[in-house]
């Protein structure tokens, strides 16, 4: 909050101060003659510039997750990491989004008296905020896409498991069905009195299962 001869700033839960802001103002005495408006600009410029390394760190984390997206054997763990990155981006958006509107009021048109003559400087801060918010939005879109891709991979994986289980169930069902027919103990059974009836039944089971296995393997189910 700037006044005619002062600027009041409040910091919450931060260890980094604004010593570099004071050093910058002292290095530029000709601009410091603009009074508290210039001090406000240097403070806002320093705050906005500190968001860029934070965003770069989050983007690096997102890139690392994307590289492991298709190679990972634990896709659900990737979803948790992606949601954690999305939470960081949302927090960053909540911090930078409102600044865009406020800084826009400090250049062009009617501006506070203490900020008059510094429009180009505040415009520069505004441009940085625009670029920062655009990068945050792009990263959030990337996270959303990555989550959707990861969920699709989980669905595909579950579908593959379902197909394998269905194929193995079919392989088991054929000999079970044949054995079940011969186990009914009817008096008149096909090939019941034939000496090769038992080997024939076993061979029939193996032949059908081998044929089914070949078909399933060609179809990619096994």
C-alpha atoms as a PDB file:
ATOM      1  CA  UNK A   1       0.000   0.000   0.000  1.00  0.00           C
ATOM      2  CA  UNK A   2       1.742   3.200  -1.131  1.00  0.00           C
ATOM      3  CA  UNK A   3       1.340   6.584   0.459  1.00  0.00           C
ATOM      4  CA  UNK A   4       2.806   9.954  -0.387  1.00  0.00           C
ATOM      5  CA  UNK A   5       6.037   9.330   1.491  1.00  0.00           C
ATOM      6  CA  UNK A   6       5.853   5.650   2.403  1.00  0.00           C
ATOM      7  CA  UNK A   7       5.113   2.133   1.161  1.00  0.00           C
ATOM      8  CA  UNK A   8       3.636  -0.486   3.486  1.00  0.00           C
ATOM      9  CA  UNK A   9       4.199  -4.159   2.621  1.00  0.00           C
ATOM     10  CA  UNK A  10       3.112  -7.290   4.497  1.00  0.00           C
ATOM     11  CA  UNK A  11       4.800 -10.682   4.201  1.00  0.00           C
ATOM     12  CA  UNK A  12       3.378 -14.018   5.362  1.00  0.00           C
ATOM     13  CA  UNK A  13       5.356 -17.235   5.926  1.00  0.00           C
ATOM     14  CA  UNK A  14       8.427 -16.218   3.951  1.00  0.00           C
ATOM     15  CA  UNK A  15      12.092 -16.163   4.883  1.00  0.00           C
ATOM     16  CA  UNK A  16      13.237 -14.028   1.980  1.00  0.00           C
ATOM     17  CA  UNK A  17      13.156 -10.286   2.505  1.00  0.00           C
ATOM     18  CA  UNK A  18      13.410  -7.313   0.183  1.00  0.00           C
ATOM     19  CA  UNK A  19      16.995  -6.236   0.771  1.00  0.00           C
ATOM     20  CA  UNK A  20      17.673  -6.419  -2.965  1.00  0.00           C
ATOM     21  CA  UNK A  21      14.762  -4.028  -3.563  1.00  0.00           C
ATOM     22  CA  UNK A  22      16.369  -1.422  -1.335  1.00  0.00           C
ATOM     23  CA  UNK A  23      19.739  -1.994  -2.992  1.00  0.00           C
ATOM     24  CA  UNK A  24      18.180  -1.530  -6.426  1.00  0.00           C
ATOM     25  CA  UNK A  25      16.440   1.693  -5.385  1.00  0.00           C
ATOM     26  CA  UNK A  26      19.690   3.042  -3.982  1.00  0.00           C
ATOM     27  CA  UNK A  27      21.468   2.243  -7.254  1.00  0.00           C
ATOM     28  CA  UNK A  28      18.894   4.276  -9.202  1.00  0.00           C
ATOM     29  CA  UNK A  29      18.565   7.605  -7.335  1.00  0.00           C
ATOM     30  CA  UNK A  30      17.193   9.383 -10.408  1.00  0.00           C
ATOM     31  CA  UNK A  31      14.213   7.005 -10.466  1.00  0.00           C
ATOM     32  CA  UNK A  32      13.899   7.036  -6.692  1.00  0.00           C
ATOM     33  CA  UNK A  33      13.054  10.734  -6.988  1.00  0.00           C
ATOM     34  CA  UNK A  34       9.615   9.563  -8.175  1.00  0.00           C
ATOM     35  CA  UNK A  35       8.967   8.714  -4.539  1.00  0.00           C
ATOM     36  CA  UNK A  36       6.930   5.858  -3.118  1.00  0.00           C
ATOM     37  CA  UNK A  37       5.496   4.979  -6.551  1.00  0.00           C
ATOM     38  CA  UNK A  38       8.913   3.794  -7.727  1.00  0.00           C
ATOM     39  CA  UNK A  39       9.423   1.827  -4.507  1.00  0.00           C
ATOM     40  CA  UNK A  40       6.068   0.147  -5.127  1.00  0.00           C
ATOM     41  CA  UNK A  41       7.175  -0.741  -8.650  1.00  0.00           C
ATOM     42  CA  UNK A  42      10.440  -2.299  -7.462  1.00  0.00           C
ATOM     43  CA  UNK A  43       8.571  -4.303  -4.838  1.00  0.00           C
ATOM     44  CA  UNK A  44       6.016  -5.608  -7.333  1.00  0.00           C
ATOM     45  CA  UNK A  45       8.697  -6.339  -9.922  1.00  0.00           C
ATOM     46  CA  UNK A  46      10.705  -8.325  -7.360  1.00  0.00           C
ATOM     47  CA  UNK A  47       7.638 -10.320  -6.263  1.00  0.00           C
ATOM     48  CA  UNK A  48       6.626 -11.143  -9.833  1.00  0.00           C
ATOM     49  CA  UNK A  49      10.170 -12.144 -10.808  1.00  0.00           C
ATOM     50  CA  UNK A  50      10.276 -14.585  -7.893  1.00  0.00           C
ATOM     51  CA  UNK A  51       7.360 -16.515  -9.354  1.00  0.00           C
ATOM     52  CA  UNK A  52       9.261 -17.502 -12.502  1.00  0.00           C
ATOM     53  CA  UNK A  53      11.758 -19.869 -10.765  1.00  0.00           C
ATOM     54  CA  UNK A  54       8.830 -21.460  -8.916  1.00  0.00           C
ATOM     55  CA  UNK A  55       6.997 -22.041 -12.190  1.00  0.00           C
ATOM     56  CA  UNK A  56      10.144 -23.428 -13.831  1.00  0.00           C
ATOM     57  CA  UNK A  57      10.574 -25.917 -10.980  1.00  0.00           C
ATOM     58  CA  UNK A  58       6.957 -27.074 -11.323  1.00  0.00           C
ATOM     59  CA  UNK A  59       7.322 -27.373 -15.118  1.00  0.00           C
ATOM     60  CA  UNK A  60      10.501 -29.441 -14.663  1.00  0.00           C
ATOM     61  CA  UNK A  61       8.629 -31.754 -12.307  1.00  0.00           C
ATOM     62  CA  UNK A  62       5.835 -32.061 -14.853  1.00  0.00           C
ATOM     63  CA  UNK A  63       8.295 -32.900 -17.644  1.00  0.00           C
ATOM     64  CA  UNK A  64       9.860 -35.618 -15.481  1.00  0.00           C
ATOM     65  CA  UNK A  65       6.437 -37.181 -14.914  1.00  0.00           C
ATOM     66  CA  UNK A  66       5.635 -36.999 -18.644  1.00  0.00           C
ATOM     67  CA  UNK A  67       8.859 -38.842 -19.491  1.00  0.00           C
ATOM     68  CA  UNK A  68       7.844 -41.692 -17.181  1.00  0.00           C
ATOM     69  CA  UNK A  69       4.208 -41.693 -18.273  1.00  0.00           C
ATOM     70  CA  UNK A  70       4.492 -44.538 -20.795  1.00  0.00           C
ATOM     71  CA  UNK A  71       7.406 -46.345 -19.150  1.00  0.00           C
ATOM     72  CA  UNK A  72       6.007 -46.479 -15.632  1.00  0.00           C
ATOM     73  CA  UNK A  73       4.546 -49.715 -14.278  1.00  0.00           C
ATOM     74  CA  UNK A  74       2.519 -47.816 -11.660  1.00  0.00           C
ATOM     75  CA  UNK A  75       0.187 -45.467 -13.565  1.00  0.00           C
ATOM     76  CA  UNK A  76      -1.899 -44.739 -10.479  1.00  0.00           C
ATOM     77  CA  UNK A  77       1.181 -43.292  -8.777  1.00  0.00           C
ATOM     78  CA  UNK A  78       1.606 -40.984 -11.759  1.00  0.00           C
ATOM     79  CA  UNK A  79      -1.938 -39.697 -11.281  1.00  0.00           C
ATOM     80  CA  UNK A  80      -1.157 -38.810  -7.673  1.00  0.00           C
ATOM     81  CA  UNK A  81       1.973 -36.933  -8.749  1.00  0.00           C
ATOM     82  CA  UNK A  82       0.077 -35.132 -11.504  1.00  0.00           C
ATOM     83  CA  UNK A  83      -2.627 -34.015  -9.088  1.00  0.00           C
ATOM     84  CA  UNK A  84       0.088 -32.752  -6.754  1.00  0.00           C
ATOM     85  CA  UNK A  85       1.584 -30.710  -9.607  1.00  0.00           C
ATOM     86  CA  UNK A  86      -1.873 -29.419 -10.523  1.00  0.00           C
ATOM     87  CA  UNK A  87      -2.364 -28.314  -6.917  1.00  0.00           C
ATOM     88  CA  UNK A  88       0.889 -26.361  -7.043  1.00  0.00           C
ATOM     89  CA  UNK A  89      -0.140 -24.681 -10.292  1.00  0.00           C
ATOM     90  CA  UNK A  90      -3.530 -23.783  -8.834  1.00  0.00           C
ATOM     91  CA  UNK A  91      -1.858 -22.187  -5.807  1.00  0.00           C
ATOM     92  CA  UNK A  92       0.464 -20.266  -8.110  1.00  0.00           C
ATOM     93  CA  UNK A  93      -2.496 -19.150 -10.230  1.00  0.00           C
ATOM     94  CA  UNK A  94      -4.314 -17.865  -7.150  1.00  0.00           C
ATOM     95  CA  UNK A  95      -1.248 -15.810  -6.282  1.00  0.00           C
ATOM     96  CA  UNK A  96      -0.593 -14.318  -9.722  1.00  0.00           C
ATOM     97  CA  UNK A  97      -4.094 -14.038 -11.189  1.00  0.00           C
ATOM     98  CA  UNK A  98      -5.374 -11.192  -8.972  1.00  0.00           C
ATOM     99  CA  UNK A  99      -2.119  -9.256  -9.468  1.00  0.00           C
ATOM    100  CA  UNK A 100      -2.856  -9.014 -13.176  1.00  0.00           C
ATOM    101  CA  UNK A 101      -5.973  -6.937 -12.551  1.00  0.00           C
ATOM    102  CA  UNK A 102      -4.409  -4.728  -9.906  1.00  0.00           C
ATOM    103  CA  UNK A 103      -1.278  -3.922 -11.894  1.00  0.00           C
ATOM    104  CA  UNK A 104      -3.453  -3.107 -14.899  1.00  0.00           C
ATOM    105  CA  UNK A 105      -4.873  -0.189 -12.922  1.00  0.00           C
ATOM    106  CA  UNK A 106      -1.471   1.403 -12.412  1.00  0.00           C
ATOM    107  CA  UNK A 107      -0.755   2.417 -16.008  1.00  0.00           C
ATOM    108  CA  UNK A 108      -2.829   4.066 -18.696  1.00  0.00           C
ATOM    109  CA  UNK A 109      -5.881   6.191 -17.934  1.00  0.00           C
ATOM    110  CA  UNK A 110      -6.533   7.274 -14.383  1.00  0.00           C
ATOM    111  CA  UNK A 111      -3.836   6.039 -12.024  1.00  0.00           C
ATOM    112  CA  UNK A 112      -3.063   6.846  -8.380  1.00  0.00           C
ATOM    113  CA  UNK A 113      -1.132  10.084  -7.961  1.00  0.00           C
ATOM    114  CA  UNK A 114       1.857   8.333  -6.402  1.00  0.00           C
ATOM    115  CA  UNK A 115       2.199   6.150  -9.530  1.00  0.00           C
ATOM    116  CA  UNK A 116       1.959   8.914 -12.112  1.00  0.00           C
ATOM    117  CA  UNK A 117       4.881   9.062 -14.524  1.00  0.00           C
ATOM    118  CA  UNK A 118       5.747   5.379 -13.978  1.00  0.00           C
ATOM    119  CA  UNK A 119       3.269   3.868 -16.414  1.00  0.00           C
ATOM    120  CA  UNK A 120       5.904   2.168 -18.583  1.00  0.00           C
ATOM    121  CA  UNK A 121       7.440   0.477 -15.554  1.00  0.00           C
ATOM    122  CA  UNK A 122       4.119  -0.896 -14.337  1.00  0.00           C
ATOM    123  CA  UNK A 123       3.293  -1.939 -17.874  1.00  0.00           C
ATOM    124  CA  UNK A 124       6.477  -4.018 -17.860  1.00  0.00           C
ATOM    125  CA  UNK A 125       5.354  -5.748 -14.650  1.00  0.00           C
ATOM    126  CA  UNK A 126       1.955  -6.328 -16.255  1.00  0.00           C
ATOM    127  CA  UNK A 127       3.581  -7.937 -19.311  1.00  0.00           C
ATOM    128  CA  UNK A 128       5.554 -10.263 -17.052  1.00  0.00           C
ATOM    129  CA  UNK A 129       2.359 -11.240 -15.252  1.00  0.00           C
ATOM    130  CA  UNK A 130       0.580 -11.912 -18.545  1.00  0.00           C
ATOM    131  CA  UNK A 131       3.391 -14.218 -19.653  1.00  0.00           C
ATOM    132  CA  UNK A 132       3.462 -15.888 -16.251  1.00  0.00           C
ATOM    133  CA  UNK A 133      -0.286 -16.538 -16.223  1.00  0.00           C
ATOM    134  CA  UNK A 134      -0.218 -17.847 -19.786  1.00  0.00           C
ATOM    135  CA  UNK A 135       2.549 -20.281 -18.852  1.00  0.00           C
ATOM    136  CA  UNK A 136       0.597 -21.417 -15.796  1.00  0.00           C
ATOM    137  CA  UNK A 137      -2.535 -21.993 -17.881  1.00  0.00           C
ATOM    138  CA  UNK A 138      -0.543 -23.944 -20.484  1.00  0.00           C
ATOM    139  CA  UNK A 139       1.012 -26.106 -17.750  1.00  0.00           C
ATOM    140  CA  UNK A 140      -2.420 -26.772 -16.216  1.00  0.00           C
ATOM    141  CA  UNK A 141      -3.742 -27.848 -19.617  1.00  0.00           C
ATOM    142  CA  UNK A 142      -0.751 -30.165 -19.978  1.00  0.00           C
ATOM    143  CA  UNK A 143      -1.460 -31.696 -16.567  1.00  0.00           C
ATOM    144  CA  UNK A 144      -5.115 -32.252 -17.509  1.00  0.00           C
ATOM    145  CA  UNK A 145      -4.091 -33.937 -20.766  1.00  0.00           C
ATOM    146  CA  UNK A 146      -1.504 -36.081 -18.970  1.00  0.00           C
ATOM    147  CA  UNK A 147      -4.096 -37.213 -16.423  1.00  0.00           C
ATOM    148  CA  UNK A 148      -6.505 -38.154 -19.216  1.00  0.00           C
ATOM    149  CA  UNK A 149      -3.778 -40.089 -21.039  1.00  0.00           C
ATOM    150  CA  UNK A 150      -2.830 -41.868 -17.826  1.00  0.00           C
ATOM    151  CA  UNK A 151      -6.452 -42.812 -17.119  1.00  0.00           C
ATOM    152  CA  UNK A 152      -6.781 -44.093 -20.685  1.00  0.00           C
ATOM    153  CA  UNK A 153      -3.664 -46.229 -20.188  1.00  0.00           C
ATOM    154  CA  UNK A 154      -5.138 -47.677 -16.992  1.00  0.00           C
ATOM    155  CA  UNK A 155      -8.364 -48.503 -18.845  1.00  0.00           C
ATOM    156  CA  UNK A 156      -6.416 -50.126 -21.677  1.00  0.00           C
ATOM    157  CA  UNK A 157      -4.374 -52.138 -19.177  1.00  0.00           C
ATOM    158  CA  UNK A 158      -7.498 -53.352 -17.418  1.00  0.00           C
ATOM    159  CA  UNK A 159      -9.008 -54.273 -20.796  1.00  0.00           C
ATOM    160  CA  UNK A 160      -5.912 -56.312 -21.638  1.00  0.00           C
ATOM    161  CA  UNK A 161      -6.178 -58.153 -18.332  1.00  0.00           C
ATOM    162  CA  UNK A 162      -9.863 -58.833 -18.975  1.00  0.00           C
ATOM    163  CA  UNK A 163      -9.081 -60.254 -22.422  1.00  0.00           C
ATOM    164  CA  UNK A 164      -6.381 -62.514 -21.002  1.00  0.00           C
ATOM    165  CA  UNK A 165      -8.695 -63.801 -18.303  1.00  0.00           C
ATOM    166  CA  UNK A 166     -11.421 -64.446 -20.884  1.00  0.00           C
ATOM    167  CA  UNK A 167      -8.960 -66.324 -23.109  1.00  0.00           C
ATOM    168  CA  UNK A 168      -7.713 -68.507 -20.260  1.00  0.00           C
ATOM    169  CA  UNK A 169     -11.305 -69.131 -19.168  1.00  0.00           C
ATOM    170  CA  UNK A 170     -12.112 -70.349 -22.685  1.00  0.00           C
ATOM    171  CA  UNK A 171      -9.093 -72.670 -22.652  1.00  0.00           C
ATOM    172  CA  UNK A 172     -10.264 -74.170 -19.375  1.00  0.00           C
ATOM    173  CA  UNK A 173     -13.927 -74.314 -20.402  1.00  0.00           C
ATOM    174  CA  UNK A 174     -13.388 -76.590 -23.420  1.00  0.00           C
ATOM    175  CA  UNK A 175     -11.834 -79.584 -21.593  1.00  0.00           C
ATOM    176  CA  UNK A 176     -14.219 -78.997 -18.692  1.00  0.00           C
ATOM    177  CA  UNK A 177     -17.193 -79.251 -21.033  1.00  0.00           C
ATOM    178  CA  UNK A 178     -15.949 -82.415 -22.723  1.00  0.00           C
ATOM    179  CA  UNK A 179     -15.026 -84.031 -19.414  1.00  0.00           C
ATOM    180  CA  UNK A 180     -18.412 -83.024 -18.039  1.00  0.00           C
ATOM    181  CA  UNK A 181     -20.234 -84.765 -20.873  1.00  0.00           C
ATOM    182  CA  UNK A 182     -18.341 -88.003 -20.319  1.00  0.00           C
ATOM    183  CA  UNK A 183     -18.887 -87.731 -16.585  1.00  0.00           C
ATOM    184  CA  UNK A 184     -22.681 -87.851 -16.783  1.00  0.00           C
ATOM    185  CA  UNK A 185     -22.708 -91.681 -16.497  1.00  0.00           C
ATOM    186  CA  UNK A 186     -25.371 -92.200 -19.145  1.00  0.00           C
ATOM    187  CA  UNK A 187     -25.767 -95.751 -20.420  1.00  0.00           C
ATOM    188  CA  UNK A 188     -25.468 -94.836 -24.057  1.00  0.00           C
ATOM    189  CA  UNK A 189     -22.448 -92.562 -24.438  1.00  0.00           C
ATOM    190  CA  UNK A 190     -20.574 -91.869 -27.693  1.00  0.00           C
ATOM    191  CA  UNK A 191     -17.496 -94.036 -28.043  1.00  0.00           C
ATOM    192  CA  UNK A 192     -18.071 -95.483 -24.541  1.00  0.00           C
ATOM    193  CA  UNK A 193     -17.122 -99.021 -25.535  1.00  0.00           C
ATOM    194  CA  UNK A 194     -14.360 -97.983 -27.910  1.00  0.00           C
ATOM    195  CA  UNK A 195     -10.860 -98.912 -26.752  1.00  0.00           C
ATOM    196  CA  UNK A 196      -9.453 -95.586 -27.921  1.00  0.00           C
ATOM    197  CA  UNK A 197     -12.309 -93.495 -26.556  1.00  0.00           C
ATOM    198  CA  UNK A 198     -10.282 -92.086 -23.630  1.00  0.00           C
ATOM    199  CA  UNK A 199      -7.224 -91.098 -25.708  1.00  0.00           C
ATOM    200  CA  UNK A 200      -9.596 -89.660 -28.300  1.00  0.00           C
ATOM    201  CA  UNK A 201     -11.310 -87.445 -25.688  1.00  0.00           C
ATOM    202  CA  UNK A 202      -7.955 -86.252 -24.335  1.00  0.00           C
ATOM    203  CA  UNK A 203      -6.657 -85.590 -27.842  1.00  0.00           C
ATOM    204  CA  UNK A 204      -9.823 -83.675 -28.713  1.00  0.00           C
ATOM    205  CA  UNK A 205      -9.356 -81.441 -25.667  1.00  0.00           C
ATOM    206  CA  UNK A 206      -5.716 -80.744 -26.507  1.00  0.00           C
ATOM    207  CA  UNK A 207      -6.472 -80.088 -30.174  1.00  0.00           C
ATOM    208  CA  UNK A 208      -9.273 -77.611 -29.479  1.00  0.00           C
ATOM    209  CA  UNK A 209      -7.242 -75.845 -26.777  1.00  0.00           C
ATOM    210  CA  UNK A 210      -4.220 -75.620 -29.080  1.00  0.00           C
ATOM    211  CA  UNK A 211      -6.384 -74.131 -31.829  1.00  0.00           C
ATOM    212  CA  UNK A 212      -7.942 -71.631 -29.420  1.00  0.00           C
ATOM    213  CA  UNK A 213      -4.520 -70.720 -28.008  1.00  0.00           C
ATOM    214  CA  UNK A 214      -3.203 -70.017 -31.517  1.00  0.00           C
ATOM    215  CA  UNK A 215      -6.187 -67.845 -32.367  1.00  0.00           C
ATOM    216  CA  UNK A 216      -5.955 -65.911 -29.105  1.00  0.00           C
ATOM    217  CA  UNK A 217      -2.222 -65.387 -29.564  1.00  0.00           C
ATOM    218  CA  UNK A 218      -2.720 -64.029 -33.106  1.00  0.00           C
ATOM    219  CA  UNK A 219      -5.450 -61.708 -31.837  1.00  0.00           C
ATOM    220  CA  UNK A 220      -3.122 -60.383 -29.108  1.00  0.00           C
ATOM    221  CA  UNK A 221      -5.175 -61.715 -26.229  1.00  0.00           C
ATOM    222  CA  UNK A 222      -2.355 -63.910 -24.941  1.00  0.00           C
END
